[in-house]
Amino acid sequence: MAIRIKIAQDKANLVQSLVLNNQNSQGVFATYADIMAFAAALGKNNKIRLPLNAIAKEPSPISLDVFSTRGYDFLFKLLAITETHNPDIISAYDMIAEEERVMIFEEYANGGLMKLQDQLKGAVDYSERILLILNQGKSQKSPTFSNFDLTKFL
């Protein structure tokens, strides 16, 4: 059975509103995977890791393969190793380690989505507000932020 990345039910509307498609010209990201990767990086940057309570049916959970083909497997490993300080967590042959990497990613993404939900309240133009969030982080001159550039997700 393929591993799938879940989205919290209380963040489902936000995630759907952030994807650019025919029904949503105000979207900022090309795919749900892009949104989740950005949110996980934002969650880590803000040290917000939240467990998922209820899981969204729509958007449905995203196959881990989608993240790998978009180059985000490195992000999963980076988050896991910085969280656990255990190099064995990045083993490609350990299913339990892979499940833990996924859980860490999902929880950081959930934390990042919570931060986005708060920051985007009342925003008309999400892209402008997200750029403000990114610029705000850059101006803080945080050493972790300068090494972890979130602008590549836009």
C-alpha atoms as a PDB file:
ATOM      1  CA  MET A   1       0.000   0.000   0.000  1.00  0.00           C
ATOM      2  CA  ALA A   2       1.364   3.387  -0.995  1.00  0.00           C
ATOM      3  CA  ILE A   3       1.934   5.929   1.738  1.00  0.00           C
ATOM      4  CA  ARG A   4      -0.226   9.024   1.465  1.00  0.00           C
ATOM      5  CA  ILE A   5       0.216  12.469   3.029  1.00  0.00           C
ATOM      6  CA  LYS A   6      -2.887  13.555   4.884  1.00  0.00           C
ATOM      7  CA  ILE A   7      -4.324  17.042   5.303  1.00  0.00           C
ATOM      8  CA  ALA A   8      -6.137  18.100   8.471  1.00  0.00           C
ATOM      9  CA  GLN A   9      -9.881  18.619   8.000  1.00  0.00           C
ATOM     10  CA  ASP A  10      -9.774  22.096   9.552  1.00  0.00           C
ATOM     11  CA  LYS A  11      -7.162  23.204   6.959  1.00  0.00           C
ATOM     12  CA  ALA A  12      -8.819  21.630   3.880  1.00  0.00           C
ATOM     13  CA  ASN A  13     -10.562  24.818   2.696  1.00  0.00           C
ATOM     14  CA  LEU A  14      -7.346  26.803   3.028  1.00  0.00           C
ATOM     15  CA  VAL A  15      -5.384  24.222   1.031  1.00  0.00           C
ATOM     16  CA  GLN A  16      -8.037  24.198  -1.690  1.00  0.00           C
ATOM     17  CA  SER A  17      -8.053  27.999  -1.835  1.00  0.00           C
ATOM     18  CA  LEU A  18      -4.269  28.113  -2.308  1.00  0.00           C
ATOM     19  CA  VAL A  19      -4.109  25.875  -5.393  1.00  0.00           C
ATOM     20  CA  LEU A  20      -4.225  27.577  -8.774  1.00  0.00           C
ATOM     21  CA  ASN A  21      -6.673  25.949 -11.194  1.00  0.00           C
ATOM     22  CA  ASN A  22      -9.545  26.737 -13.595  1.00  0.00           C
ATOM     23  CA  GLN A  23     -11.968  27.255 -10.714  1.00  0.00           C
ATOM     24  CA  ASN A  24      -9.543  29.330  -8.624  1.00  0.00           C
ATOM     25  CA  SER A  25      -7.527  32.003 -10.393  1.00  0.00           C
ATOM     26  CA  GLN A  26      -6.476  33.476  -7.027  1.00  0.00           C
ATOM     27  CA  GLY A  27      -4.466  30.353  -6.126  1.00  0.00           C
ATOM     28  CA  VAL A  28      -0.753  30.661  -5.480  1.00  0.00           C
ATOM     29  CA  PHE A  29       0.580  27.095  -5.788  1.00  0.00           C
ATOM     30  CA  ALA A  30       0.466  24.681  -8.727  1.00  0.00           C
ATOM     31  CA  THR A  31      -0.267  21.535  -6.702  1.00  0.00           C
ATOM     32  CA  TYR A  32      -1.413  20.395  -3.281  1.00  0.00           C
ATOM     33  CA  ALA A  33       2.052  18.869  -2.809  1.00  0.00           C
ATOM     34  CA  ASP A  34       3.626  22.308  -3.332  1.00  0.00           C
ATOM     35  CA  ILE A  35       1.308  23.810  -0.707  1.00  0.00           C
ATOM     36  CA  MET A  36       2.087  21.068   1.795  1.00  0.00           C
ATOM     37  CA  ALA A  37       5.850  21.331   1.237  1.00  0.00           C
ATOM     38  CA  PHE A  38       5.715  25.106   1.707  1.00  0.00           C
ATOM     39  CA  ALA A  39       3.570  24.700   4.830  1.00  0.00           C
ATOM     40  CA  ALA A  40       5.931  22.079   6.309  1.00  0.00           C
ATOM     41  CA  ALA A  41       8.912  24.371   5.768  1.00  0.00           C
ATOM     42  CA  LEU A  42       6.964  27.285   7.261  1.00  0.00           C
ATOM     43  CA  GLY A  43       5.946  25.151  10.241  1.00  0.00           C
ATOM     44  CA  LYS A  44       9.558  24.125  10.861  1.00  0.00           C
ATOM     45  CA  ASN A  45      10.763  27.700  10.457  1.00  0.00           C
ATOM     46  CA  ASN A  46       8.227  28.850  13.064  1.00  0.00           C
ATOM     47  CA  LYS A  47       8.724  25.773  15.277  1.00  0.00           C
ATOM     48  CA  ILE A  48       5.041  24.825  15.008  1.00  0.00           C
ATOM     49  CA  ARG A  49       4.348  21.094  14.866  1.00  0.00           C
ATOM     50  CA  LEU A  50       0.712  20.081  15.317  1.00  0.00           C
ATOM     51  CA  PRO A  51      -0.749  16.581  15.248  1.00  0.00           C
ATOM     52  CA  LEU A  52      -3.609  16.015  12.815  1.00  0.00           C
ATOM     53  CA  ASN A  53      -6.961  15.348  14.426  1.00  0.00           C
ATOM     54  CA  ALA A  54      -9.583  14.787  11.735  1.00  0.00           C
ATOM     55  CA  ILE A  55      -8.349  13.976   8.227  1.00  0.00           C
ATOM     56  CA  ALA A  56      -9.807  15.756   5.187  1.00  0.00           C
ATOM     57  CA  LYS A  57     -11.608  13.721   2.548  1.00  0.00           C
ATOM     58  CA  GLU A  58     -11.179  16.595   0.055  1.00  0.00           C
ATOM     59  CA  PRO A  59      -8.497  17.228  -0.917  1.00  0.00           C
ATOM     60  CA  SER A  60      -7.789  13.539  -0.599  1.00  0.00           C
ATOM     61  CA  PRO A  61      -4.472  12.346   0.852  1.00  0.00           C
ATOM     62  CA  ILE A  62      -1.570  12.822  -1.570  1.00  0.00           C
ATOM     63  CA  SER A  63       0.650   9.938  -2.615  1.00  0.00           C
ATOM     64  CA  LEU A  64       4.206  10.151  -1.305  1.00  0.00           C
ATOM     65  CA  ASP A  65       5.335   9.492  -4.902  1.00  0.00           C
ATOM     66  CA  VAL A  66       3.957  12.905  -5.915  1.00  0.00           C
ATOM     67  CA  PHE A  67       6.269  14.560  -3.400  1.00  0.00           C
ATOM     68  CA  SER A  68       9.227  12.488  -4.576  1.00  0.00           C
ATOM     69  CA  THR A  69       8.700  13.343  -8.239  1.00  0.00           C
ATOM     70  CA  ARG A  70       8.537  17.047  -7.315  1.00  0.00           C
ATOM     71  CA  GLY A  71      11.833  16.750  -5.408  1.00  0.00           C
ATOM     72  CA  TYR A  72      10.416  17.112  -1.911  1.00  0.00           C
ATOM     73  CA  ASP A  73      11.748  13.798  -0.562  1.00  0.00           C
ATOM     74  CA  PHE A  74      14.808  15.761   0.572  1.00  0.00           C
ATOM     75  CA  LEU A  75      12.535  18.014   2.659  1.00  0.00           C
ATOM     76  CA  PHE A  76      10.983  14.966   4.375  1.00  0.00           C
ATOM     77  CA  LYS A  77      14.439  13.687   5.286  1.00  0.00           C
ATOM     78  CA  LEU A  78      15.719  17.094   6.378  1.00  0.00           C
ATOM     79  CA  LEU A  79      12.744  17.681   8.678  1.00  0.00           C
ATOM     80  CA  ALA A  80      13.026  14.181  10.149  1.00  0.00           C
ATOM     81  CA  ILE A  81      16.740  14.276  10.847  1.00  0.00           C
ATOM     82  CA  THR A  82      16.634  17.765  12.375  1.00  0.00           C
ATOM     83  CA  GLU A  83      13.683  16.710  14.531  1.00  0.00           C
ATOM     84  CA  THR A  84      15.028  13.362  15.756  1.00  0.00           C
ATOM     85  CA  HIS A  85      18.819  13.863  15.468  1.00  0.00           C
ATOM     86  CA  ASN A  86      18.893  10.236  14.380  1.00  0.00           C
ATOM     87  CA  PRO A  87      20.554   9.515  11.012  1.00  0.00           C
ATOM     88  CA  ASP A  88      18.759   6.141  10.823  1.00  0.00           C
ATOM     89  CA  ILE A  89      15.484   8.024  10.245  1.00  0.00           C
ATOM     90  CA  ILE A  90      16.442   8.609   6.604  1.00  0.00           C
ATOM     91  CA  SER A  91      16.859   4.906   5.817  1.00  0.00           C
ATOM     92  CA  ALA A  92      15.134   4.005   2.560  1.00  0.00           C
ATOM     93  CA  TYR A  93      14.682   0.406   3.732  1.00  0.00           C
ATOM     94  CA  ASP A  94      13.033   0.988   7.101  1.00  0.00           C
ATOM     95  CA  MET A  95       9.235   1.257   6.771  1.00  0.00           C
ATOM     96  CA  ILE A  96       8.821   2.450  10.373  1.00  0.00           C
ATOM     97  CA  ALA A  97      11.350   5.257   9.748  1.00  0.00           C
ATOM     98  CA  GLU A  98       9.459   6.235   6.592  1.00  0.00           C
ATOM     99  CA  GLU A  99       6.172   6.389   8.501  1.00  0.00           C
ATOM    100  CA  GLU A 100       7.843   8.564  11.152  1.00  0.00           C
ATOM    101  CA  ARG A 101       9.232  10.899   8.444  1.00  0.00           C
ATOM    102  CA  VAL A 102       5.734  11.225   7.002  1.00  0.00           C
ATOM    103  CA  MET A 103       4.222  11.953  10.418  1.00  0.00           C
ATOM    104  CA  ILE A 104       6.848  14.641  11.128  1.00  0.00           C
ATOM    105  CA  PHE A 105       6.199  16.203   7.706  1.00  0.00           C
ATOM    106  CA  GLU A 106       2.404  16.127   8.166  1.00  0.00           C
ATOM    107  CA  GLU A 107       2.622  17.705  11.610  1.00  0.00           C
ATOM    108  CA  TYR A 108       4.961  20.488  10.475  1.00  0.00           C
ATOM    109  CA  ALA A 109       2.732  21.076   7.436  1.00  0.00           C
ATOM    110  CA  ASN A 110      -0.286  21.265   9.739  1.00  0.00           C
ATOM    111  CA  GLY A 111       1.546  23.806  11.902  1.00  0.00           C
ATOM    112  CA  GLY A 112       2.535  25.818   8.839  1.00  0.00           C
ATOM    113  CA  LEU A 113      -1.032  25.744   7.547  1.00  0.00           C
ATOM    114  CA  MET A 114      -2.234  27.027  10.919  1.00  0.00           C
ATOM    115  CA  LYS A 115       0.261  29.907  10.625  1.00  0.00           C
ATOM    116  CA  LEU A 116      -0.891  30.594   7.042  1.00  0.00           C
ATOM    117  CA  GLN A 117      -4.545  30.470   8.093  1.00  0.00           C
ATOM    118  CA  ASP A 118      -3.832  33.116  10.702  1.00  0.00           C
ATOM    119  CA  GLN A 119      -1.700  35.284   8.386  1.00  0.00           C
ATOM    120  CA  LEU A 120      -4.112  35.086   5.430  1.00  0.00           C
ATOM    121  CA  LYS A 121      -7.260  36.006   7.382  1.00  0.00           C
ATOM    122  CA  GLY A 122      -9.027  38.779   5.508  1.00  0.00           C
ATOM    123  CA  ALA A 123      -6.497  38.796   2.651  1.00  0.00           C
ATOM    124  CA  VAL A 124      -7.844  39.469  -0.821  1.00  0.00           C
ATOM    125  CA  ASP A 125      -4.610  38.584  -2.625  1.00  0.00           C
ATOM    126  CA  TYR A 126      -2.947  35.497  -1.140  1.00  0.00           C
ATOM    127  CA  SER A 127       0.176  35.826  -3.284  1.00  0.00           C
ATOM    128  CA  GLU A 128       0.861  39.329  -1.983  1.00  0.00           C
ATOM    129  CA  ARG A 129       0.368  38.256   1.633  1.00  0.00           C
ATOM    130  CA  ILE A 130       2.621  35.188   1.221  1.00  0.00           C
ATOM    131  CA  LEU A 131       5.334  37.378  -0.276  1.00  0.00           C
ATOM    132  CA  LEU A 132       5.017  39.649   2.751  1.00  0.00           C
ATOM    133  CA  ILE A 133       5.430  36.636   5.054  1.00  0.00           C
ATOM    134  CA  LEU A 134       8.549  35.574   3.157  1.00  0.00           C
ATOM    135  CA  ASN A 135      10.021  39.076   3.150  1.00  0.00           C
ATOM    136  CA  GLN A 136       9.273  39.448   6.845  1.00  0.00           C
ATOM    137  CA  GLY A 137      11.262  36.296   7.525  1.00  0.00           C
ATOM    138  CA  LYS A 138      14.178  37.484   5.405  1.00  0.00           C
ATOM    139  CA  SER A 139      14.343  40.846   7.175  1.00  0.00           C
ATOM    140  CA  GLN A 140      14.649  39.133  10.571  1.00  0.00           C
ATOM    141  CA  LYS A 141      18.145  37.963   9.569  1.00  0.00           C
ATOM    142  CA  SER A 142      17.549  34.593  11.173  1.00  0.00           C
ATOM    143  CA  PRO A 143      20.403  32.184  10.365  1.00  0.00           C
ATOM    144  CA  THR A 144      18.006  29.239   9.925  1.00  0.00           C
ATOM    145  CA  PHE A 145      15.791  31.190   7.542  1.00  0.00           C
ATOM    146  CA  SER A 146      18.648  32.347   5.331  1.00  0.00           C
ATOM    147  CA  ASN A 147      19.704  28.713   4.903  1.00  0.00           C
ATOM    148  CA  PHE A 148      16.157  27.550   4.289  1.00  0.00           C
ATOM    149  CA  ASP A 149      14.745  29.731   1.510  1.00  0.00           C
ATOM    150  CA  LEU A 150      10.964  29.285   1.201  1.00  0.00           C
ATOM    151  CA  THR A 151      10.704  31.487  -1.920  1.00  0.00           C
ATOM    152  CA  LYS A 152      11.502  28.518  -4.186  1.00  0.00           C
ATOM    153  CA  PHE A 153       7.991  27.178  -3.528  1.00  0.00           C
ATOM    154  CA  LEU A 154       6.346  30.145  -5.235  1.00  0.00           C
END
